[in-house]
Amino acid sequence: MGTMAEARMQKKVEEALRSKMKAKALKECDSVLAKFTDCARGRTFSVVWACRAQHREMNDCLRQFTNDEVFEEYKKQYMLETSSTS
């Protein structure tokens, strides 16, 4: 079993990888996010039904880039990169 420092380091690495994954998702889905933002601008409660299609499209796009399989690929890539530099 690893030490507390190793566990904290692994947690920091995973947080950094998740952040990288989210940043890529936001970049890839930029136009879809813009559509939702445009629809939601100036609305309050009505955004729920008025922008339902844009919201679904936004979530579908983001889900492509932020799911467990994608995260596992990020972790594999990180492991390859760190093992090749060691």
N, C-alpha and C. Protein backbone atom coordinates (compact mmCIF):
# COMPACT_ATOMS: atom_id res chain seq x y z
N MET A 1 0.85 -1.19 0.00
CA MET A 1 0.00 0.00 0.00
C MET A 1 0.89 1.24 0.00
N GLY A 2 0.49 2.29 -0.72
CA GLY A 2 1.29 3.49 -0.84
C GLY A 2 1.17 4.39 0.37
N THR A 3 2.05 5.34 0.43
CA THR A 3 2.02 6.31 1.52
C THR A 3 0.97 7.37 1.27
N MET A 4 0.74 8.17 2.30
CA MET A 4 -0.23 9.27 2.15
C MET A 4 0.23 10.25 1.08
N ALA A 5 1.54 10.50 1.02
CA ALA A 5 2.07 11.43 0.03
C ALA A 5 1.83 10.90 -1.38
N GLU A 6 2.01 9.61 -1.58
CA GLU A 6 1.76 9.01 -2.90
C GLU A 6 0.28 9.12 -3.26
N ALA A 7 -0.59 8.89 -2.29
CA ALA A 7 -2.03 8.97 -2.54
C ALA A 7 -2.41 10.41 -2.90
N ARG A 8 -1.84 11.38 -2.20
CA ARG A 8 -2.12 12.78 -2.50
C ARG A 8 -1.61 13.15 -3.89
N MET A 9 -0.42 12.63 -4.22
CA MET A 9 0.16 12.92 -5.53
C MET A 9 -0.73 12.33 -6.62
N GLN A 10 -1.19 11.11 -6.44
CA GLN A 10 -2.07 10.48 -7.43
C GLN A 10 -3.35 11.28 -7.58
N LYS A 11 -3.89 11.76 -6.47
CA LYS A 11 -5.12 12.56 -6.52
C LYS A 11 -4.87 13.85 -7.31
N LYS A 12 -3.73 14.49 -7.08
CA LYS A 12 -3.39 15.72 -7.81
C LYS A 12 -3.25 15.44 -9.30
N VAL A 13 -2.62 14.32 -9.65
CA VAL A 13 -2.45 13.95 -11.06
C VAL A 13 -3.81 13.73 -11.70
N GLU A 14 -4.69 12.99 -11.02
CA GLU A 14 -6.03 12.74 -11.56
C GLU A 14 -6.81 14.03 -11.72
N GLU A 15 -6.68 14.95 -10.77
CA GLU A 15 -7.36 16.24 -10.88
C GLU A 15 -6.85 17.02 -12.09
N ALA A 16 -5.53 16.98 -12.30
CA ALA A 16 -4.94 17.68 -13.44
C ALA A 16 -5.41 17.05 -14.75
N LEU A 17 -5.49 15.72 -14.80
CA LEU A 17 -5.95 15.04 -16.01
C LEU A 17 -7.43 15.36 -16.27
N ARG A 18 -8.24 15.38 -15.23
CA ARG A 18 -9.65 15.74 -15.40
C ARG A 18 -9.80 17.18 -15.91
N SER A 19 -8.98 18.06 -15.38
CA SER A 19 -9.02 19.45 -15.82
C SER A 19 -8.63 19.56 -17.29
N LYS A 20 -7.62 18.82 -17.69
CA LYS A 20 -7.19 18.81 -19.09
C LYS A 20 -8.30 18.25 -19.99
N MET A 21 -8.95 17.19 -19.52
CA MET A 21 -10.04 16.58 -20.26
C MET A 21 -11.20 17.56 -20.43
N LYS A 22 -11.56 18.26 -19.36
CA LYS A 22 -12.66 19.23 -19.42
C LYS A 22 -12.32 20.40 -20.34
N ALA A 23 -11.07 20.86 -20.29
CA ALA A 23 -10.66 21.97 -21.15
C ALA A 23 -10.78 21.58 -22.62
N LYS A 24 -10.38 20.36 -22.94
CA LYS A 24 -10.49 19.90 -24.33
C LYS A 24 -11.97 19.81 -24.73
N ALA A 25 -12.81 19.31 -23.84
CA ALA A 25 -14.24 19.20 -24.13
C ALA A 25 -14.84 20.57 -24.41
N LEU A 26 -14.49 21.54 -23.59
CA LEU A 26 -15.02 22.89 -23.80
C LEU A 26 -14.56 23.47 -25.13
N LYS A 27 -13.32 23.19 -25.48
CA LYS A 27 -12.80 23.68 -26.76
C LYS A 27 -13.50 23.00 -27.93
N GLU A 28 -13.64 21.69 -27.85
CA GLU A 28 -14.27 20.92 -28.94
C GLU A 28 -15.75 21.26 -29.10
N CYS A 29 -16.40 21.60 -28.01
CA CYS A 29 -17.85 21.85 -28.04
C CYS A 29 -18.17 23.35 -28.04
N ASP A 30 -17.21 24.17 -28.36
CA ASP A 30 -17.38 25.62 -28.28
C ASP A 30 -18.60 26.12 -29.04
N SER A 31 -18.80 25.67 -30.27
CA SER A 31 -19.94 26.18 -31.05
C SER A 31 -21.27 25.74 -30.46
N VAL A 32 -21.32 24.54 -29.92
CA VAL A 32 -22.55 24.04 -29.30
C VAL A 32 -22.83 24.79 -28.00
N LEU A 33 -21.78 25.06 -27.24
CA LEU A 33 -21.93 25.85 -26.02
C LEU A 33 -22.43 27.26 -26.35
N ALA A 34 -21.93 27.82 -27.43
CA ALA A 34 -22.36 29.17 -27.84
C ALA A 34 -23.84 29.19 -28.19
N LYS A 35 -24.33 28.14 -28.85
CA LYS A 35 -25.76 28.07 -29.18
C LYS A 35 -26.61 28.07 -27.91
N PHE A 36 -26.20 27.27 -26.93
CA PHE A 36 -26.95 27.22 -25.67
C PHE A 36 -26.89 28.57 -24.96
N THR A 37 -25.71 29.16 -24.93
CA THR A 37 -25.54 30.46 -24.28
C THR A 37 -26.42 31.52 -24.93
N ASP A 38 -26.44 31.53 -26.26
CA ASP A 38 -27.29 32.49 -26.98
C ASP A 38 -28.76 32.28 -26.64
N CYS A 39 -29.18 31.03 -26.58
CA CYS A 39 -30.57 30.73 -26.26
C CYS A 39 -30.91 31.17 -24.83
N ALA A 40 -30.00 30.93 -23.91
CA ALA A 40 -30.26 31.19 -22.49
C ALA A 40 -30.15 32.66 -22.13
N ARG A 41 -29.46 33.44 -22.93
CA ARG A 41 -29.25 34.86 -22.62
C ARG A 41 -30.59 35.59 -22.46
N GLY A 42 -30.72 36.26 -21.33
CA GLY A 42 -31.91 37.06 -21.07
C GLY A 42 -33.08 36.26 -20.52
N ARG A 43 -32.91 34.97 -20.33
CA ARG A 43 -34.00 34.14 -19.81
C ARG A 43 -33.75 33.79 -18.35
N THR A 44 -34.81 33.44 -17.67
CA THR A 44 -34.67 32.91 -16.32
C THR A 44 -35.27 31.51 -16.31
N PHE A 45 -36.48 31.39 -15.82
CA PHE A 45 -37.12 30.08 -15.73
C PHE A 45 -37.41 29.45 -17.08
N SER A 46 -37.67 30.27 -18.07
CA SER A 46 -38.05 29.73 -19.38
C SER A 46 -36.90 29.02 -20.09
N VAL A 47 -35.69 29.19 -19.61
CA VAL A 47 -34.55 28.52 -20.24
C VAL A 47 -34.74 27.00 -20.23
N VAL A 48 -35.41 26.50 -19.20
CA VAL A 48 -35.60 25.05 -19.06
C VAL A 48 -36.30 24.45 -20.27
N TRP A 49 -37.38 25.07 -20.72
CA TRP A 49 -38.10 24.51 -21.86
C TRP A 49 -37.72 25.18 -23.18
N ALA A 50 -37.35 26.44 -23.15
CA ALA A 50 -37.04 27.14 -24.40
C ALA A 50 -35.73 26.67 -25.02
N CYS A 51 -34.81 26.23 -24.18
CA CYS A 51 -33.48 25.84 -24.67
C CYS A 51 -33.20 24.35 -24.48
N ARG A 52 -34.27 23.58 -24.37
CA ARG A 52 -34.11 22.14 -24.12
C ARG A 52 -33.26 21.46 -25.18
N ALA A 53 -33.50 21.75 -26.45
CA ALA A 53 -32.75 21.10 -27.53
C ALA A 53 -31.28 21.49 -27.48
N GLN A 54 -31.00 22.76 -27.25
CA GLN A 54 -29.61 23.22 -27.18
C GLN A 54 -28.90 22.62 -25.97
N HIS A 55 -29.63 22.50 -24.87
CA HIS A 55 -29.06 21.92 -23.65
C HIS A 55 -28.70 20.45 -23.89
N ARG A 56 -29.60 19.72 -24.52
CA ARG A 56 -29.35 18.31 -24.82
C ARG A 56 -28.14 18.17 -25.75
N GLU A 57 -28.10 19.01 -26.78
CA GLU A 57 -26.99 18.97 -27.74
C GLU A 57 -25.66 19.29 -27.03
N MET A 58 -25.68 20.26 -26.14
CA MET A 58 -24.48 20.63 -25.39
C MET A 58 -24.02 19.46 -24.51
N ASN A 59 -24.94 18.86 -23.78
CA ASN A 59 -24.58 17.74 -22.92
C ASN A 59 -24.07 16.55 -23.72
N ASP A 60 -24.70 16.27 -24.85
CA ASP A 60 -24.25 15.16 -25.69
C ASP A 60 -22.82 15.40 -26.19
N CYS A 61 -22.55 16.62 -26.59
CA CYS A 61 -21.21 16.95 -27.06
C CYS A 61 -20.19 16.80 -25.94
N LEU A 62 -20.46 17.40 -24.79
CA LEU A 62 -19.53 17.34 -23.67
C LEU A 62 -19.30 15.90 -23.22
N ARG A 63 -20.35 15.09 -23.24
CA ARG A 63 -20.25 13.70 -22.79
C ARG A 63 -19.27 12.90 -23.66
N GLN A 64 -19.17 13.25 -24.94
CA GLN A 64 -18.23 12.56 -25.83
C GLN A 64 -16.79 12.69 -25.35
N PHE A 65 -16.49 13.82 -24.71
CA PHE A 65 -15.11 14.13 -24.34
C PHE A 65 -14.84 14.02 -22.85
N THR A 66 -15.86 13.70 -22.06
CA THR A 66 -15.67 13.66 -20.60
C THR A 66 -16.28 12.41 -19.97
N ASN A 67 -16.11 11.28 -20.60
CA ASN A 67 -16.64 10.05 -20.01
C ASN A 67 -15.50 9.20 -19.43
N ASP A 68 -15.85 8.12 -18.77
CA ASP A 68 -14.85 7.27 -18.11
C ASP A 68 -13.83 6.68 -19.07
N GLU A 69 -14.29 6.30 -20.26
CA GLU A 69 -13.36 5.72 -21.24
C GLU A 69 -12.31 6.74 -21.66
N VAL A 70 -12.75 7.96 -21.90
CA VAL A 70 -11.82 9.03 -22.28
C VAL A 70 -10.84 9.30 -21.15
N PHE A 71 -11.34 9.32 -19.92
CA PHE A 71 -10.45 9.56 -18.77
C PHE A 71 -9.41 8.44 -18.65
N GLU A 72 -9.83 7.22 -18.88
CA GLU A 72 -8.87 6.10 -18.83
C GLU A 72 -7.78 6.27 -19.89
N GLU A 73 -8.15 6.77 -21.06
CA GLU A 73 -7.16 7.04 -22.12
C GLU A 73 -6.18 8.13 -21.67
N TYR A 74 -6.68 9.15 -21.02
CA TYR A 74 -5.80 10.20 -20.50
C TYR A 74 -4.82 9.61 -19.49
N LYS A 75 -5.33 8.72 -18.62
CA LYS A 75 -4.45 8.10 -17.62
C LYS A 75 -3.40 7.21 -18.28
N LYS A 76 -3.82 6.43 -19.30
CA LYS A 76 -2.86 5.59 -20.01
C LYS A 76 -1.77 6.44 -20.67
N GLN A 77 -2.20 7.52 -21.32
CA GLN A 77 -1.25 8.40 -21.98
C GLN A 77 -0.27 9.00 -20.97
N TYR A 78 -0.79 9.41 -19.83
CA TYR A 78 0.06 9.96 -18.77
C TYR A 78 1.08 8.93 -18.31
N MET A 79 0.61 7.70 -18.11
CA MET A 79 1.52 6.63 -17.66
C MET A 79 2.60 6.37 -18.70
N LEU A 80 2.23 6.37 -19.98
CA LEU A 80 3.22 6.18 -21.03
C LEU A 80 4.25 7.30 -21.03
N GLU A 81 3.77 8.52 -20.90
CA GLU A 81 4.67 9.67 -20.90
C GLU A 81 5.61 9.66 -19.70
N THR A 82 5.09 9.32 -18.53
CA THR A 82 5.94 9.33 -17.35
C THR A 82 6.90 8.14 -17.32
N SER A 83 6.48 7.00 -17.88
CA SER A 83 7.39 5.85 -17.88
C SER A 83 8.50 6.01 -18.91
N SER A 84 8.24 6.75 -19.98
CA SER A 84 9.28 6.96 -21.00
C SER A 84 10.31 8.00 -20.56
N THR A 85 9.93 8.85 -19.61
CA THR A 85 10.88 9.86 -19.13
C THR A 85 11.65 9.38 -17.93
N SER A 86 11.26 8.26 -17.37
CA SER A 86 11.95 7.73 -16.18
C SER A 86 13.14 6.90 -16.55
